[in-house]
Amino acid sequence: MYLDFIAFIDAEVLRINEIINNYVVCNNNLKTYLFGAHIFSQFLINRGLQTNKIEAVIDNSPNKVGKRLYGSNLKVINPEYLKGCAGLVILKAGQYQAEVEKQLNKISKKLEFVR
């Protein structure tokens, strides 16, 4: 089961990296963000997510904003930073997926999501 999980994550990272590459090229280099300064994001990064094409990590926790996501060079920003902005958000938030997407859509209707 563990190896199946790793294979699934690796396939997801390849899929997300391809989406990021296509998005950046087709959208005049609009910025890409990763939601969640937590272990799920760190796991994606560890498995090969292209952090060089990610502007920042979005997180609701005021305790994390302004800091760096451990194990990466990515800074953590408050979701309100995206107010009215266009961009791509990598959203892998488990059971909170719909809630987070709804929150971000209220902040900016110009955001697109990778789920």
PDB file of N, CA and C in Angstrom:
ATOM      1  N   MET A   1       0.820  -1.187   0.000  1.00  0.00           N
ATOM      2  CA  MET A   1       0.000   0.000   0.000  1.00  0.00           C
ATOM      3  C   MET A   1       0.870   1.259   0.000  1.00  0.00           C
ATOM      4  N   TYR A   2       1.942   1.222   0.755  1.00  0.00           N
ATOM      5  CA  TYR A   2       2.818   2.381   0.824  1.00  0.00           C
ATOM      6  C   TYR A   2       3.407   2.701  -0.550  1.00  0.00           C
ATOM      7  N   LEU A   3       3.883   1.683  -1.237  1.00  0.00           N
ATOM      8  CA  LEU A   3       4.476   1.900  -2.558  1.00  0.00           C
ATOM      9  C   LEU A   3       3.433   2.402  -3.559  1.00  0.00           C
ATOM     10  N   ASP A   4       2.197   1.933  -3.432  1.00  0.00           N
ATOM     11  CA  ASP A   4       1.119   2.442  -4.282  1.00  0.00           C
ATOM     12  C   ASP A   4       0.868   3.920  -4.001  1.00  0.00           C
ATOM     13  N   PHE A   5       0.929   4.295  -2.734  1.00  0.00           N
ATOM     14  CA  PHE A   5       0.745   5.692  -2.349  1.00  0.00           C
ATOM     15  C   PHE A   5       1.850   6.563  -2.948  1.00  0.00           C
ATOM     16  N   ILE A   6       3.075   6.109  -2.846  1.00  0.00           N
ATOM     17  CA  ILE A   6       4.214   6.856  -3.400  1.00  0.00           C
ATOM     18  C   ILE A   6       4.057   6.991  -4.916  1.00  0.00           C
ATOM     19  N   ALA A   7       3.658   5.925  -5.583  1.00  0.00           N
ATOM     20  CA  ALA A   7       3.455   5.970  -7.035  1.00  0.00           C
ATOM     21  C   ALA A   7       2.348   6.961  -7.392  1.00  0.00           C
ATOM     22  N   PHE A   8       1.293   7.008  -6.591  1.00  0.00           N
ATOM     23  CA  PHE A   8       0.202   7.955  -6.820  1.00  0.00           C
ATOM     24  C   PHE A   8       0.699   9.389  -6.675  1.00  0.00           C
ATOM     25  N   ILE A   9       1.447   9.664  -5.611  1.00  0.00           N
ATOM     26  CA  ILE A   9       1.974  11.012  -5.376  1.00  0.00           C
ATOM     27  C   ILE A   9       2.930  11.414  -6.497  1.00  0.00           C
ATOM     28  N   ASP A  10       3.788  10.495  -6.903  1.00  0.00           N
ATOM     29  CA  ASP A  10       4.726  10.800  -7.992  1.00  0.00           C
ATOM     30  C   ASP A  10       3.981  11.145  -9.279  1.00  0.00           C
ATOM     31  N   ALA A  11       2.916  10.425  -9.576  1.00  0.00           N
ATOM     32  CA  ALA A  11       2.108  10.713 -10.768  1.00  0.00           C
ATOM     33  C   ALA A  11       1.422  12.071 -10.633  1.00  0.00           C
ATOM     34  N   GLU A  12       0.944  12.389  -9.442  1.00  0.00           N
ATOM     35  CA  GLU A  12       0.318  13.694  -9.199  1.00  0.00           C
ATOM     36  C   GLU A  12       1.317  14.823  -9.389  1.00  0.00           C
ATOM     37  N   VAL A  13       2.523  14.646  -8.889  1.00  0.00           N
ATOM     38  CA  VAL A  13       3.560  15.677  -9.028  1.00  0.00           C
ATOM     39  C   VAL A  13       3.895  15.885 -10.505  1.00  0.00           C
ATOM     40  N   LEU A  14       4.003  14.815 -11.265  1.00  0.00           N
ATOM     41  CA  LEU A  14       4.257  14.951 -12.706  1.00  0.00           C
ATOM     42  C   LEU A  14       3.116  15.706 -13.383  1.00  0.00           C
ATOM     43  N   ARG A  15       1.877  15.378 -13.032  1.00  0.00           N
ATOM     44  CA  ARG A  15       0.705  16.036 -13.596  1.00  0.00           C
ATOM     45  C   ARG A  15       0.701  17.526 -13.242  1.00  0.00           C
ATOM     46  N   ILE A  16       0.951  17.840 -11.984  1.00  0.00           N
ATOM     47  CA  ILE A  16       0.952  19.232 -11.532  1.00  0.00           C
ATOM     48  C   ILE A  16       2.075  20.017 -12.206  1.00  0.00           C
ATOM     49  N   ASN A  17       3.262  19.434 -12.292  1.00  0.00           N
ATOM     50  CA  ASN A  17       4.381  20.119 -12.951  1.00  0.00           C
ATOM     51  C   ASN A  17       4.055  20.439 -14.408  1.00  0.00           C
ATOM     52  N   GLU A  18       3.394  19.520 -15.095  1.00  0.00           N
ATOM     53  CA  GLU A  18       3.012  19.751 -16.488  1.00  0.00           C
ATOM     54  C   GLU A  18       1.991  20.892 -16.582  1.00  0.00           C
ATOM     55  N   ILE A  19       1.027  20.902 -15.678  1.00  0.00           N
ATOM     56  CA  ILE A  19       0.032  21.982 -15.655  1.00  0.00           C
ATOM     57  C   ILE A  19       0.714  23.316 -15.395  1.00  0.00           C
ATOM     58  N   ILE A  20       1.621  23.358 -14.431  1.00  0.00           N
ATOM     59  CA  ILE A  20       2.345  24.603 -14.125  1.00  0.00           C
ATOM     60  C   ILE A  20       3.093  25.093 -15.369  1.00  0.00           C
ATOM     61  N   ASN A  21       3.830  24.205 -16.009  1.00  0.00           N
ATOM     62  CA  ASN A  21       4.605  24.591 -17.192  1.00  0.00           C
ATOM     63  C   ASN A  21       3.704  25.153 -18.282  1.00  0.00           C
ATOM     64  N   ASN A  22       2.596  24.493 -18.560  1.00  0.00           N
ATOM     65  CA  ASN A  22       1.666  24.957 -19.591  1.00  0.00           C
ATOM     66  C   ASN A  22       1.024  26.277 -19.190  1.00  0.00           C
ATOM     67  N   TYR A  23       0.664  26.415 -17.931  1.00  0.00           N
ATOM     68  CA  TYR A  23       0.006  27.623 -17.452  1.00  0.00           C
ATOM     69  C   TYR A  23       0.925  28.834 -17.582  1.00  0.00           C
ATOM     70  N   VAL A  24       2.153  28.683 -17.149  1.00  0.00           N
ATOM     71  CA  VAL A  24       3.105  29.795 -17.180  1.00  0.00           C
ATOM     72  C   VAL A  24       3.340  30.244 -18.619  1.00  0.00           C
ATOM     73  N   VAL A  25       3.494  29.308 -19.530  1.00  0.00           N
ATOM     74  CA  VAL A  25       3.746  29.636 -20.932  1.00  0.00           C
ATOM     75  C   VAL A  25       2.519  30.295 -21.568  1.00  0.00           C
ATOM     76  N   CYS A  26       1.342  29.760 -21.309  1.00  0.00           N
ATOM     77  CA  CYS A  26       0.116  30.234 -21.969  1.00  0.00           C
ATOM     78  C   CYS A  26      -0.491  31.474 -21.332  1.00  0.00           C
ATOM     79  N   ASN A  27      -0.040  31.884 -20.185  1.00  0.00           N
ATOM     80  CA  ASN A  27      -0.662  32.991 -19.464  1.00  0.00           C
ATOM     81  C   ASN A  27       0.313  34.104 -19.110  1.00  0.00           C
ATOM     82  N   ASN A  28       1.243  34.366 -20.017  1.00  0.00           N
ATOM     83  CA  ASN A  28       2.179  35.477 -19.831  1.00  0.00           C
ATOM     84  C   ASN A  28       2.858  35.478 -18.468  1.00  0.00           C
ATOM     85  N   ASN A  29       3.279  34.320 -18.047  1.00  0.00           N
ATOM     86  CA  ASN A  29       4.028  34.181 -16.799  1.00  0.00           C
ATOM     87  C   ASN A  29       3.260  34.608 -15.552  1.00  0.00           C
ATOM     88  N   LEU A  30       1.934  34.414 -15.544  1.00  0.00           N
ATOM     89  CA  LEU A  30       1.180  34.670 -14.315  1.00  0.00           C
ATOM     90  C   LEU A  30       1.739  33.791 -13.212  1.00  0.00           C
ATOM     91  N   LYS A  31       1.588  34.226 -11.992  1.00  0.00           N
ATOM     92  CA  LYS A  31       2.212  33.541 -10.865  1.00  0.00           C
ATOM     93  C   LYS A  31       1.435  32.296 -10.440  1.00  0.00           C
ATOM     94  N   THR A  32       2.193  31.363  -9.882  1.00  0.00           N
ATOM     95  CA  THR A  32       1.650  30.116  -9.361  1.00  0.00           C
ATOM     96  C   THR A  32       1.898  30.083  -7.860  1.00  0.00           C
ATOM     97  N   TYR A  33       0.901  29.618  -7.122  1.00  0.00           N
ATOM     98  CA  TYR A  33       0.978  29.537  -5.665  1.00  0.00           C
ATOM     99  C   TYR A  33       0.636  28.115  -5.219  1.00  0.00           C
ATOM    100  N   LEU A  34       1.124  27.762  -4.060  1.00  0.00           N
ATOM    101  CA  LEU A  34       0.826  26.475  -3.444  1.00  0.00           C
ATOM    102  C   LEU A  34       0.059  26.750  -2.158  1.00  0.00           C
ATOM    103  N   PHE A  35      -1.095  26.108  -1.988  1.00  0.00           N
ATOM    104  CA  PHE A  35      -1.835  26.350  -0.759  1.00  0.00           C
ATOM    105  C   PHE A  35      -1.403  25.369   0.322  1.00  0.00           C
ATOM    106  N   GLY A  36      -1.156  25.921   1.496  1.00  0.00           N
ATOM    107  CA  GLY A  36      -0.923  25.117   2.685  1.00  0.00           C
ATOM    108  C   GLY A  36       0.526  24.962   3.078  1.00  0.00           C
ATOM    109  N   ALA A  37       0.911  25.621   4.163  1.00  0.00           N
ATOM    110  CA  ALA A  37       2.254  25.471   4.716  1.00  0.00           C
ATOM    111  C   ALA A  37       2.205  24.312   5.700  1.00  0.00           C
ATOM    112  N   HIS A  38       2.151  23.109   5.148  1.00  0.00           N
ATOM    113  CA  HIS A  38       2.005  21.916   5.980  1.00  0.00           C
ATOM    114  C   HIS A  38       2.695  20.716   5.334  1.00  0.00           C
ATOM    115  N   ILE A  39       2.591  19.598   5.966  1.00  0.00           N
ATOM    116  CA  ILE A  39       3.283  18.382   5.537  1.00  0.00           C
ATOM    117  C   ILE A  39       2.865  17.938   4.143  1.00  0.00           C
ATOM    118  N   PHE A  40       1.626  18.175   3.741  1.00  0.00           N
ATOM    119  CA  PHE A  40       1.178  17.765   2.406  1.00  0.00           C
ATOM    120  C   PHE A  40       1.972  18.497   1.331  1.00  0.00           C
ATOM    121  N   SER A  41       2.189  19.782   1.531  1.00  0.00           N
ATOM    122  CA  SER A  41       2.977  20.565   0.575  1.00  0.00           C
ATOM    123  C   SER A  41       4.435  20.113   0.585  1.00  0.00           C
ATOM    124  N   GLN A  42       4.957  19.877   1.761  1.00  0.00           N
ATOM    125  CA  GLN A  42       6.341  19.415   1.875  1.00  0.00           C
ATOM    126  C   GLN A  42       6.523  18.070   1.169  1.00  0.00           C
ATOM    127  N   PHE A  43       5.532  17.227   1.266  1.00  0.00           N
ATOM    128  CA  PHE A  43       5.612  15.909   0.625  1.00  0.00           C
ATOM    129  C   PHE A  43       5.638  16.066  -0.897  1.00  0.00           C
ATOM    130  N   LEU A  44       4.783  16.945  -1.432  1.00  0.00           N
ATOM    131  CA  LEU A  44       4.786  17.195  -2.880  1.00  0.00           C
ATOM    132  C   LEU A  44       6.141  17.736  -3.326  1.00  0.00           C
ATOM    133  N   ILE A  45       6.682  18.661  -2.551  1.00  0.00           N
ATOM    134  CA  ILE A  45       7.991  19.235  -2.873  1.00  0.00           C
ATOM    135  C   ILE A  45       9.063  18.154  -2.836  1.00  0.00           C
ATOM    136  N   ASN A  46       9.029  17.327  -1.820  1.00  0.00           N
ATOM    137  CA  ASN A  46      10.003  16.243  -1.683  1.00  0.00           C
ATOM    138  C   ASN A  46       9.949  15.276  -2.858  1.00  0.00           C
ATOM    139  N   ARG A  47       8.770  15.116  -3.449  1.00  0.00           N
ATOM    140  CA  ARG A  47       8.610  14.173  -4.556  1.00  0.00           C
ATOM    141  C   ARG A  47       8.834  14.833  -5.913  1.00  0.00           C
ATOM    142  N   GLY A  48       9.242  16.129  -5.937  1.00  0.00           N
ATOM    143  CA  GLY A  48       9.664  16.743  -7.184  1.00  0.00           C
ATOM    144  C   GLY A  48       8.839  17.916  -7.694  1.00  0.00           C
ATOM    145  N   LEU A  49       7.940  18.459  -6.889  1.00  0.00           N
ATOM    146  CA  LEU A  49       7.189  19.632  -7.321  1.00  0.00           C
ATOM    147  C   LEU A  49       8.160  20.768  -7.637  1.00  0.00           C
ATOM    148  N   GLN A  50       7.951  21.450  -8.761  1.00  0.00           N
ATOM    149  CA  GLN A  50       8.858  22.504  -9.232  1.00  0.00           C
ATOM    150  C   GLN A  50       8.694  23.781  -8.419  1.00  0.00           C
ATOM    151  N   THR A  51       9.433  23.908  -7.365  1.00  0.00           N
ATOM    152  CA  THR A  51       9.312  25.091  -6.508  1.00  0.00           C
ATOM    153  C   THR A  51       9.857  26.343  -7.177  1.00  0.00           C
ATOM    154  N   ASN A  52      10.709  26.184  -8.165  1.00  0.00           N
ATOM    155  CA  ASN A  52      11.262  27.353  -8.850  1.00  0.00           C
ATOM    156  C   ASN A  52      10.197  28.113  -9.639  1.00  0.00           C
ATOM    157  N   LYS A  53       9.043  27.499  -9.856  1.00  0.00           N
ATOM    158  CA  LYS A  53       7.959  28.152 -10.586  1.00  0.00           C
ATOM    159  C   LYS A  53       6.811  28.538  -9.661  1.00  0.00           C
ATOM    160  N   ILE A  54       7.026  28.421  -8.359  1.00  0.00           N
ATOM    161  CA  ILE A  54       5.994  28.761  -7.383  1.00  0.00           C
ATOM    162  C   ILE A  54       6.418  30.042  -6.672  1.00  0.00           C
ATOM    163  N   GLU A  55       5.530  31.008  -6.667  1.00  0.00           N
ATOM    164  CA  GLU A  55       5.803  32.317  -6.080  1.00  0.00           C
ATOM    165  C   GLU A  55       5.855  32.261  -4.554  1.00  0.00           C
ATOM    166  N   ALA A  56       4.864  31.584  -3.948  1.00  0.00           N
ATOM    167  CA  ALA A  56       4.765  31.542  -2.486  1.00  0.00           C
ATOM    168  C   ALA A  56       3.778  30.459  -2.074  1.00  0.00           C
ATOM    169  N   VAL A  57       3.753  30.213  -0.782  1.00  0.00           N
ATOM    170  CA  VAL A  57       2.788  29.291  -0.180  1.00  0.00           C
ATOM    171  C   VAL A  57       1.722  30.136   0.516  1.00  0.00           C
ATOM    172  N   ILE A  58       0.471  29.817   0.270  1.00  0.00           N
ATOM    173  CA  ILE A  58      -0.646  30.535   0.890  1.00  0.00           C
ATOM    174  C   ILE A  58      -1.085  29.745   2.116  1.00  0.00           C
ATOM    175  N   ASP A  59      -1.284  30.435   3.234  1.00  0.00           N
ATOM    176  CA  ASP A  59      -1.760  29.750   4.435  1.00  0.00           C
ATOM    177  C   ASP A  59      -2.565  30.724   5.290  1.00  0.00           C
ATOM    178  N   ASN A  60      -3.600  30.205   5.940  1.00  0.00           N
ATOM    179  CA  ASN A  60      -4.475  31.019   6.789  1.00  0.00           C
ATOM    180  C   ASN A  60      -3.901  31.295   8.168  1.00  0.00           C
ATOM    181  N   SER A  61      -2.900  30.552   8.583  1.00  0.00           N
ATOM    182  CA  SER A  61      -2.362  30.696   9.932  1.00  0.00           C
ATOM    183  C   SER A  61      -1.487  31.935  10.067  1.00  0.00           C
ATOM    184  N   PRO A  62      -1.884  32.877  10.934  1.00  0.00           N
ATOM    185  CA  PRO A  62      -1.037  34.055  11.136  1.00  0.00           C
ATOM    186  C   PRO A  62       0.331  33.695  11.712  1.00  0.00           C
ATOM    187  N   ASN A  63       0.428  32.538  12.345  1.00  0.00           N
ATOM    188  CA  ASN A  63       1.704  32.096  12.906  1.00  0.00           C
ATOM    189  C   ASN A  63       2.705  31.675  11.830  1.00  0.00           C
ATOM    190  N   LYS A  64       2.207  31.368  10.632  1.00  0.00           N
ATOM    191  CA  LYS A  64       3.082  30.907   9.553  1.00  0.00           C
ATOM    192  C   LYS A  64       3.420  32.010   8.552  1.00  0.00           C
ATOM    193  N   VAL A  65       2.538  33.006   8.442  1.00  0.00           N
ATOM    194  CA  VAL A  65       2.727  34.074   7.460  1.00  0.00           C
ATOM    195  C   VAL A  65       4.029  34.826   7.740  1.00  0.00           C
ATOM    196  N   GLY A  66       4.771  35.066   6.658  1.00  0.00           N
ATOM    197  CA  GLY A  66       6.037  35.778   6.763  1.00  0.00           C
ATOM    198  C   GLY A  66       7.223  34.863   7.009  1.00  0.00           C
ATOM    199  N   LYS A  67       6.944  33.607   7.246  1.00  0.00           N
ATOM    200  CA  LYS A  67       8.023  32.643   7.464  1.00  0.00           C
ATOM    201  C   LYS A  67       8.248  31.839   6.198  1.00  0.00           C
ATOM    202  N   ARG A  68       9.170  30.908   6.273  1.00  0.00           N
ATOM    203  CA  ARG A  68       9.517  30.049   5.149  1.00  0.00           C
ATOM    204  C   ARG A  68       8.978  28.652   5.427  1.00  0.00           C
ATOM    205  N   LEU A  69       8.451  27.997   4.363  1.00  0.00           N
ATOM    206  CA  LEU A  69       8.006  26.610   4.508  1.00  0.00           C
ATOM    207  C   LEU A  69       9.230  25.739   4.714  1.00  0.00           C
ATOM    208  N   TYR A  70       9.266  25.055   5.835  1.00  0.00           N
ATOM    209  CA  TYR A  70      10.414  24.225   6.190  1.00  0.00           C
ATOM    210  C   TYR A  70      10.773  23.282   5.047  1.00  0.00           C
ATOM    211  N   GLY A  71      12.048  23.222   4.719  1.00  0.00           N
ATOM    212  CA  GLY A  71      12.533  22.345   3.660  1.00  0.00           C
ATOM    213  C   GLY A  71      12.481  22.973   2.278  1.00  0.00           C
ATOM    214  N   SER A  72      12.094  24.242   2.212  1.00  0.00           N
ATOM    215  CA  SER A  72      12.030  24.928   0.923  1.00  0.00           C
ATOM    216  C   SER A  72      12.465  26.382   1.102  1.00  0.00           C
ATOM    217  N   ASN A  73      12.531  27.085  -0.006  1.00  0.00           N
ATOM    218  CA  ASN A  73      12.820  28.520   0.035  1.00  0.00           C
ATOM    219  C   ASN A  73      11.558  29.348  -0.121  1.00  0.00           C
ATOM    220  N   LEU A  74      10.400  28.702  -0.078  1.00  0.00           N
ATOM    221  CA  LEU A  74       9.133  29.386  -0.313  1.00  0.00           C
ATOM    222  C   LEU A  74       8.650  30.130   0.922  1.00  0.00           C
ATOM    223  N   LYS A  75       8.307  31.389   0.726  1.00  0.00           N
ATOM    224  CA  LYS A  75       7.744  32.215   1.802  1.00  0.00           C
ATOM    225  C   LYS A  75       6.248  31.957   1.909  1.00  0.00           C
ATOM    226  N   VAL A  76       5.723  32.107   3.105  1.00  0.00           N
ATOM    227  CA  VAL A  76       4.295  31.907   3.366  1.00  0.00           C
ATOM    228  C   VAL A  76       3.605  33.268   3.383  1.00  0.00           C
ATOM    229  N   ILE A  77       2.490  33.347   2.646  1.00  0.00           N
ATOM    230  CA  ILE A  77       1.720  34.586   2.571  1.00  0.00           C
ATOM    231  C   ILE A  77       0.284  34.348   3.020  1.00  0.00           C
ATOM    232  N   ASN A  78      -0.362  35.418   3.423  1.00  0.00           N
ATOM    233  CA  ASN A  78      -1.771  35.394   3.788  1.00  0.00           C
ATOM    234  C   ASN A  78      -2.607  35.343   2.505  1.00  0.00           C
ATOM    235  N   PRO A  79      -3.724  34.629   2.494  1.00  0.00           N
ATOM    236  CA  PRO A  79      -4.568  34.577   1.301  1.00  0.00           C
ATOM    237  C   PRO A  79      -5.007  35.952   0.796  1.00  0.00           C
ATOM    238  N   GLU A  80      -5.180  36.916   1.697  1.00  0.00           N
ATOM    239  CA  GLU A  80      -5.618  38.264   1.300  1.00  0.00           C
ATOM    240  C   GLU A  80      -4.619  38.939   0.365  1.00  0.00           C
ATOM    241  N   TYR A  81      -3.389  38.470   0.342  1.00  0.00           N
ATOM    242  CA  TYR A  81      -2.370  38.985  -0.565  1.00  0.00           C
ATOM    243  C   TYR A  81      -2.834  38.851  -2.018  1.00  0.00           C
ATOM    244  N   LEU A  82      -3.681  37.848  -2.299  1.00  0.00           N
ATOM    245  CA  LEU A  82      -4.132  37.566  -3.662  1.00  0.00           C
ATOM    246  C   LEU A  82      -5.367  38.359  -4.074  1.00  0.00           C
ATOM    247  N   LYS A  83      -5.807  39.280  -3.235  1.00  0.00           N
ATOM    248  CA  LYS A  83      -7.033  40.032  -3.510  1.00  0.00           C
ATOM    249  C   LYS A  83      -6.989  40.647  -4.916  1.00  0.00           C
ATOM    250  N   GLY A  84      -7.927  40.202  -5.765  1.00  0.00           N
ATOM    251  CA  GLY A  84      -8.036  40.710  -7.127  1.00  0.00           C
ATOM    252  C   GLY A  84      -6.987  40.209  -8.095  1.00  0.00           C
ATOM    253  N   CYS A  85      -6.077  39.368  -7.648  1.00  0.00           N
ATOM    254  CA  CYS A  85      -4.990  38.878  -8.500  1.00  0.00           C
ATOM    255  C   CYS A  85      -5.432  37.692  -9.352  1.00  0.00           C
ATOM    256  N   ALA A  86      -4.785  37.548 -10.493  1.00  0.00           N
ATOM    257  CA  ALA A  86      -4.936  36.356 -11.317  1.00  0.00           C
ATOM    258  C   ALA A  86      -3.762  35.445 -11.014  1.00  0.00           C
ATOM    259  N   GLY A  87      -3.971  34.164 -11.151  1.00  0.00           N
ATOM    260  CA  GLY A  87      -2.888  33.221 -10.930  1.00  0.00           C
ATOM    261  C   GLY A  87      -3.406  31.808 -10.800  1.00  0.00           C
ATOM    262  N   LEU A  88      -2.494  30.902 -10.615  1.00  0.00           N
ATOM    263  CA  LEU A  88      -2.798  29.486 -10.481  1.00  0.00           C
ATOM    264  C   LEU A  88      -2.493  29.060  -9.053  1.00  0.00           C
ATOM    265  N   VAL A  89      -3.418  28.355  -8.424  1.00  0.00           N
ATOM    266  CA  VAL A  89      -3.222  27.867  -7.063  1.00  0.00           C
ATOM    267  C   VAL A  89      -3.249  26.340  -7.080  1.00  0.00           C
ATOM    268  N   ILE A  90      -2.172  25.759  -6.594  1.00  0.00           N
ATOM    269  CA  ILE A  90      -2.126  24.306  -6.407  1.00  0.00           C
ATOM    270  C   ILE A  90      -2.815  24.050  -5.086  1.00  0.00           C
ATOM    271  N   LEU A  91      -3.929  23.336  -5.134  1.00  0.00           N
ATOM    272  CA  LEU A  91      -4.769  23.157  -3.954  1.00  0.00           C
ATOM    273  C   LEU A  91      -4.949  21.674  -3.664  1.00  0.00           C
ATOM    274  N   LYS A  92      -4.208  21.195  -2.708  1.00  0.00           N
ATOM    275  CA  LYS A  92      -4.298  19.811  -2.242  1.00  0.00           C
ATOM    276  C   LYS A  92      -4.527  19.871  -0.743  1.00  0.00           C
ATOM    277  N   ALA A  93      -5.771  20.173  -0.362  1.00  0.00           N
ATOM    278  CA  ALA A  93      -6.075  20.439   1.044  1.00  0.00           C
ATOM    279  C   ALA A  93      -6.988  19.381   1.664  1.00  0.00           C
ATOM    280  N   GLY A  94      -7.025  18.199   1.105  1.00  0.00           N
ATOM    281  CA  GLY A  94      -7.791  17.101   1.685  1.00  0.00           C
ATOM    282  C   GLY A  94      -9.235  17.464   1.954  1.00  0.00           C
ATOM    283  N   GLN A  95      -9.678  17.232   3.151  1.00  0.00           N
ATOM    284  CA  GLN A  95     -11.072  17.454   3.518  1.00  0.00           C
ATOM    285  C   GLN A  95     -11.458  18.930   3.508  1.00  0.00           C
ATOM    286  N   TYR A  96     -10.486  19.826   3.452  1.00  0.00           N
ATOM    287  CA  TYR A  96     -10.756  21.262   3.464  1.00  0.00           C
ATOM    288  C   TYR A  96     -10.780  21.871   2.063  1.00  0.00           C
ATOM    289  N   GLN A  97     -10.637  21.033   1.045  1.00  0.00           N
ATOM    290  CA  GLN A  97     -10.529  21.474  -0.343  1.00  0.00           C
ATOM    291  C   GLN A  97     -11.629  22.470  -0.747  1.00  0.00           C
ATOM    292  N   ALA A  98     -12.874  22.080  -0.595  1.00  0.00           N
ATOM    293  CA  ALA A  98     -13.993  22.930  -1.022  1.00  0.00           C
ATOM    294  C   ALA A  98     -14.040  24.229  -0.222  1.00  0.00           C
ATOM    295  N   GLU A  99     -13.795  24.131   1.060  1.00  0.00           N
ATOM    296  CA  GLU A  99     -13.810  25.312   1.933  1.00  0.00           C
ATOM    297  C   GLU A  99     -12.734  26.321   1.523  1.00  0.00           C
ATOM    298  N   VAL A 100     -11.541  25.837   1.251  1.00  0.00           N
ATOM    299  CA  VAL A 100     -10.433  26.713   0.877  1.00  0.00           C
ATOM    300  C   VAL A 100     -10.688  27.337  -0.497  1.00  0.00           C
ATOM    301  N   GLU A 101     -11.163  26.539  -1.429  1.00  0.00           N
ATOM    302  CA  GLU A 101     -11.447  27.062  -2.762  1.00  0.00           C
ATOM    303  C   GLU A 101     -12.517  28.156  -2.697  1.00  0.00           C
ATOM    304  N   LYS A 102     -13.531  27.950  -1.900  1.00  0.00           N
ATOM    305  CA  LYS A 102     -14.583  28.951  -1.726  1.00  0.00           C
ATOM    306  C   LYS A 102     -13.994  30.242  -1.141  1.00  0.00           C
ATOM    307  N   GLN A 103     -13.145  30.106  -0.136  1.00  0.00           N
ATOM    308  CA  GLN A 103     -12.496  31.265   0.481  1.00  0.00           C
ATOM    309  C   GLN A 103     -11.667  32.036  -0.548  1.00  0.00           C
ATOM    310  N   LEU A 104     -10.861  31.319  -1.323  1.00  0.00           N
ATOM    311  CA  LEU A 104      -9.990  31.980  -2.292  1.00  0.00           C
ATOM    312  C   LEU A 104     -10.785  32.616  -3.429  1.00  0.00           C
ATOM    313  N   ASN A 105     -11.896  31.992  -3.817  1.00  0.00           N
ATOM    314  CA  ASN A 105     -12.750  32.582  -4.854  1.00  0.00           C
ATOM    315  C   ASN A 105     -13.386  33.889  -4.391  1.00  0.00           C
ATOM    316  N   LYS A 106     -13.644  34.013  -3.088  1.00  0.00           N
ATOM    317  CA  LYS A 106     -14.166  35.273  -2.553  1.00  0.00           C
ATOM    318  C   LYS A 106     -13.097  36.366  -2.605  1.00  0.00           C
ATOM    319  N   ILE A 107     -11.857  35.969  -2.451  1.00  0.00           N
ATOM    320  CA  ILE A 107     -10.738  36.921  -2.469  1.00  0.00           C
ATOM    321  C   ILE A 107     -10.442  37.378  -3.894  1.00  0.00           C
ATOM    322  N   SER A 108     -10.507  36.438  -4.850  1.00  0.00           N
ATOM    323  CA  SER A 108     -10.267  36.779  -6.257  1.00  0.00           C
ATOM    324  C   SER A 108     -10.952  35.768  -7.169  1.00  0.00           C
ATOM    325  N   LYS A 109     -11.753  36.274  -8.063  1.00  0.00           N
ATOM    326  CA  LYS A 109     -12.425  35.436  -9.071  1.00  0.00           C
ATOM    327  C   LYS A 109     -11.482  35.094 -10.221  1.00  0.00           C
ATOM    328  N   LYS A 110     -10.294  35.648 -10.217  1.00  0.00           N
ATOM    329  CA  LYS A 110      -9.340  35.454 -11.315  1.00  0.00           C
ATOM    330  C   LYS A 110      -8.394  34.281 -11.084  1.00  0.00           C
ATOM    331  N   LEU A 111      -8.559  33.582  -9.982  1.00  0.00           N
ATOM    332  CA  LEU A 111      -7.673  32.461  -9.667  1.00  0.00           C
ATOM    333  C   LEU A 111      -8.163  31.188 -10.340  1.00  0.00           C
ATOM    334  N   GLU A 112      -7.218  30.386 -10.779  1.00  0.00           N
ATOM    335  CA  GLU A 112      -7.508  29.060 -11.300  1.00  0.00           C
ATOM    336  C   GLU A 112      -6.877  28.059 -10.347  1.00  0.00           C
ATOM    337  N   PHE A 113      -7.417  26.846 -10.326  1.00  0.00           N
ATOM    338  CA  PHE A 113      -6.973  25.862  -9.346  1.00  0.00           C
ATOM    339  C   PHE A 113      -6.527  24.557 -10.000  1.00  0.00           C
ATOM    340  N   VAL A 114      -5.492  23.978  -9.411  1.00  0.00           N
ATOM    341  CA  VAL A 114      -5.090  22.617  -9.709  1.00  0.00           C
ATOM    342  C   VAL A 114      -5.528  21.805  -8.512  1.00  0.00           C
ATOM    343  N   ARG A 115      -6.434  20.891  -8.737  1.00  0.00           N
ATOM    344  CA  ARG A 115      -6.964  20.061  -7.644  1.00  0.00           C
ATOM    345  C   ARG A 115      -6.379  18.679  -7.710  1.00  0.00           C
TER     346      ARG A 115
END
